[in-house]
N, C-alpha and C. Protein backbone atom coordinates (compact mmCIF):
# COMPACT_ATOMS: atom_id res chain seq x y z
N MET A 1 8.52 -10.23 27.36
CA MET A 1 9.03 -9.01 26.78
C MET A 1 8.76 -7.86 27.75
N THR A 2 9.76 -7.05 27.97
CA THR A 2 9.61 -5.92 28.88
C THR A 2 8.91 -4.75 28.17
N ASP A 3 8.44 -3.80 28.96
CA ASP A 3 7.84 -2.60 28.38
C ASP A 3 8.83 -1.83 27.51
N ILE A 4 10.08 -1.80 27.94
CA ILE A 4 11.12 -1.10 27.17
C ILE A 4 11.36 -1.80 25.84
N GLU A 5 11.43 -3.13 25.86
CA GLU A 5 11.60 -3.88 24.62
C GLU A 5 10.41 -3.67 23.69
N LEU A 6 9.21 -3.70 24.25
CA LEU A 6 8.01 -3.48 23.45
C LEU A 6 8.03 -2.09 22.82
N ASP A 7 8.41 -1.09 23.59
CA ASP A 7 8.49 0.28 23.08
C ASP A 7 9.54 0.38 21.98
N ASN A 8 10.69 -0.24 22.18
CA ASN A 8 11.75 -0.20 21.17
C ASN A 8 11.31 -0.89 19.87
N LEU A 9 10.62 -2.01 20.01
CA LEU A 9 10.15 -2.72 18.82
C LEU A 9 9.07 -1.94 18.10
N TYR A 10 8.18 -1.30 18.84
CA TYR A 10 7.15 -0.47 18.22
C TYR A 10 7.79 0.70 17.48
N THR A 11 8.81 1.29 18.08
CA THR A 11 9.53 2.39 17.43
C THR A 11 10.17 1.91 16.14
N GLU A 12 10.79 0.73 16.18
CA GLU A 12 11.39 0.16 14.97
C GLU A 12 10.34 -0.11 13.90
N LEU A 13 9.19 -0.62 14.31
CA LEU A 13 8.09 -0.85 13.39
C LEU A 13 7.68 0.45 12.70
N CYS A 14 7.50 1.49 13.48
CA CYS A 14 7.11 2.79 12.93
C CYS A 14 8.15 3.36 11.99
N HIS A 15 9.42 3.26 12.36
CA HIS A 15 10.50 3.75 11.50
C HIS A 15 10.57 2.96 10.20
N THR A 16 10.39 1.66 10.31
CA THR A 16 10.41 0.81 9.11
C THR A 16 9.28 1.20 8.16
N MET A 17 8.08 1.35 8.70
CA MET A 17 6.95 1.74 7.87
C MET A 17 7.16 3.11 7.26
N GLY A 18 7.70 4.03 8.04
CA GLY A 18 7.98 5.37 7.52
C GLY A 18 8.99 5.34 6.39
N GLY A 19 10.01 4.49 6.54
CA GLY A 19 11.03 4.38 5.50
C GLY A 19 10.51 3.73 4.24
N LEU A 20 9.53 2.85 4.37
CA LEU A 20 8.95 2.19 3.20
C LEU A 20 7.98 3.09 2.45
N GLY A 21 7.39 4.02 3.15
CA GLY A 21 6.44 4.93 2.52
C GLY A 21 5.01 4.46 2.70
N GLU A 22 4.10 5.39 2.48
CA GLU A 22 2.68 5.15 2.73
C GLU A 22 2.11 4.04 1.84
N GLN A 23 2.59 3.94 0.62
CA GLN A 23 2.05 2.93 -0.30
C GLN A 23 2.49 1.52 0.05
N ARG A 24 3.71 1.36 0.55
CA ARG A 24 4.22 0.02 0.85
C ARG A 24 3.97 -0.43 2.29
N ALA A 25 3.61 0.49 3.17
CA ALA A 25 3.38 0.15 4.58
C ALA A 25 2.32 -0.93 4.76
N PRO A 26 1.16 -0.87 4.07
CA PRO A 26 0.17 -1.94 4.24
C PRO A 26 0.69 -3.32 3.81
N LEU A 27 1.48 -3.37 2.74
CA LEU A 27 2.06 -4.63 2.30
C LEU A 27 3.04 -5.16 3.35
N PHE A 28 3.84 -4.28 3.90
CA PHE A 28 4.77 -4.66 4.97
C PHE A 28 4.01 -5.24 6.16
N LEU A 29 2.93 -4.57 6.58
CA LEU A 29 2.15 -5.05 7.72
C LEU A 29 1.52 -6.40 7.44
N ALA A 30 1.03 -6.60 6.22
CA ALA A 30 0.45 -7.89 5.84
C ALA A 30 1.51 -8.98 5.88
N ARG A 31 2.68 -8.72 5.34
CA ARG A 31 3.76 -9.71 5.35
C ARG A 31 4.21 -10.00 6.78
N PHE A 32 4.33 -8.96 7.59
CA PHE A 32 4.71 -9.15 8.98
C PHE A 32 3.67 -10.01 9.70
N ALA A 33 2.39 -9.72 9.46
CA ALA A 33 1.33 -10.48 10.11
C ALA A 33 1.40 -11.96 9.73
N LEU A 34 1.62 -12.26 8.46
CA LEU A 34 1.72 -13.65 8.04
C LEU A 34 2.91 -14.35 8.69
N LEU A 35 4.03 -13.67 8.76
CA LEU A 35 5.21 -14.24 9.41
C LEU A 35 4.94 -14.48 10.90
N ALA A 36 4.31 -13.51 11.54
CA ALA A 36 4.01 -13.64 12.98
C ALA A 36 3.04 -14.79 13.22
N MET A 37 2.03 -14.94 12.34
CA MET A 37 1.08 -16.04 12.49
C MET A 37 1.80 -17.38 12.44
N GLY A 38 2.76 -17.49 11.53
CA GLY A 38 3.52 -18.73 11.42
C GLY A 38 4.34 -19.01 12.66
N VAL A 39 4.92 -18.00 13.24
CA VAL A 39 5.73 -18.17 14.45
C VAL A 39 4.83 -18.50 15.64
N ILE A 40 3.68 -17.85 15.74
CA ILE A 40 2.75 -18.12 16.84
C ILE A 40 2.28 -19.57 16.76
N GLY A 41 1.91 -20.00 15.57
CA GLY A 41 1.63 -21.39 15.31
C GLY A 41 0.37 -21.99 15.93
N GLN A 42 -0.48 -21.15 16.50
CA GLN A 42 -1.71 -21.64 17.11
C GLN A 42 -2.89 -20.83 16.56
N ALA A 43 -3.74 -21.51 15.78
CA ALA A 43 -4.83 -20.83 15.10
C ALA A 43 -5.74 -20.08 16.07
N ASP A 44 -6.03 -20.67 17.21
CA ASP A 44 -6.94 -20.01 18.16
C ASP A 44 -6.34 -18.73 18.73
N VAL A 45 -5.05 -18.74 18.98
CA VAL A 45 -4.37 -17.54 19.49
C VAL A 45 -4.38 -16.45 18.43
N VAL A 46 -4.06 -16.82 17.20
CA VAL A 46 -4.05 -15.85 16.10
C VAL A 46 -5.45 -15.28 15.89
N GLN A 47 -6.46 -16.13 15.93
CA GLN A 47 -7.84 -15.67 15.75
C GLN A 47 -8.22 -14.66 16.84
N ASP A 48 -7.84 -14.92 18.08
CA ASP A 48 -8.11 -13.97 19.16
C ASP A 48 -7.38 -12.65 18.93
N LEU A 49 -6.14 -12.72 18.48
CA LEU A 49 -5.37 -11.50 18.21
C LEU A 49 -6.00 -10.69 17.07
N LEU A 50 -6.47 -11.38 16.04
CA LEU A 50 -7.13 -10.69 14.93
C LEU A 50 -8.38 -9.96 15.41
N ARG A 51 -9.16 -10.61 16.23
CA ARG A 51 -10.37 -9.98 16.77
C ARG A 51 -10.01 -8.79 17.67
N ASP A 52 -9.01 -8.96 18.50
CA ASP A 52 -8.59 -7.87 19.39
C ASP A 52 -8.08 -6.68 18.58
N ALA A 53 -7.32 -6.94 17.52
CA ALA A 53 -6.77 -5.87 16.70
C ALA A 53 -7.87 -5.09 15.97
N ALA A 54 -8.93 -5.78 15.57
CA ALA A 54 -10.02 -5.14 14.84
C ALA A 54 -11.02 -4.44 15.76
N ASP A 55 -10.99 -4.80 17.04
CA ASP A 55 -11.94 -4.24 17.99
C ASP A 55 -11.88 -2.72 18.00
N GLY A 56 -13.00 -2.10 17.76
CA GLY A 56 -13.09 -0.65 17.79
C GLY A 56 -12.69 0.04 16.50
N LEU A 57 -12.30 -0.73 15.49
CA LEU A 57 -11.86 -0.13 14.22
C LEU A 57 -12.91 -0.22 13.12
N THR A 58 -14.01 -0.92 13.36
CA THR A 58 -15.02 -1.06 12.33
C THR A 58 -15.73 0.25 12.08
N VAL A 59 -16.10 0.46 10.84
CA VAL A 59 -16.78 1.70 10.43
C VAL A 59 -18.28 1.46 10.50
N SER A 60 -18.98 2.36 11.18
CA SER A 60 -20.42 2.26 11.27
C SER A 60 -21.05 2.80 10.00
N ALA A 61 -22.10 2.15 9.53
CA ALA A 61 -22.78 2.59 8.30
C ALA A 61 -23.80 3.66 8.60
């Protein structure tokens, strides 16, 4: 995937979430994630992606 394609897809993702509204955006992301996991089809790859996505987002107590 090229940088331009990635940028276009990210823009589409943002527009889709904006159109769905703040309340439905998390459900959309969860559904998208499940679909993407199925397409990726490799548990180890998905596990690495989950860790990478969460990196730096944890809340300190």
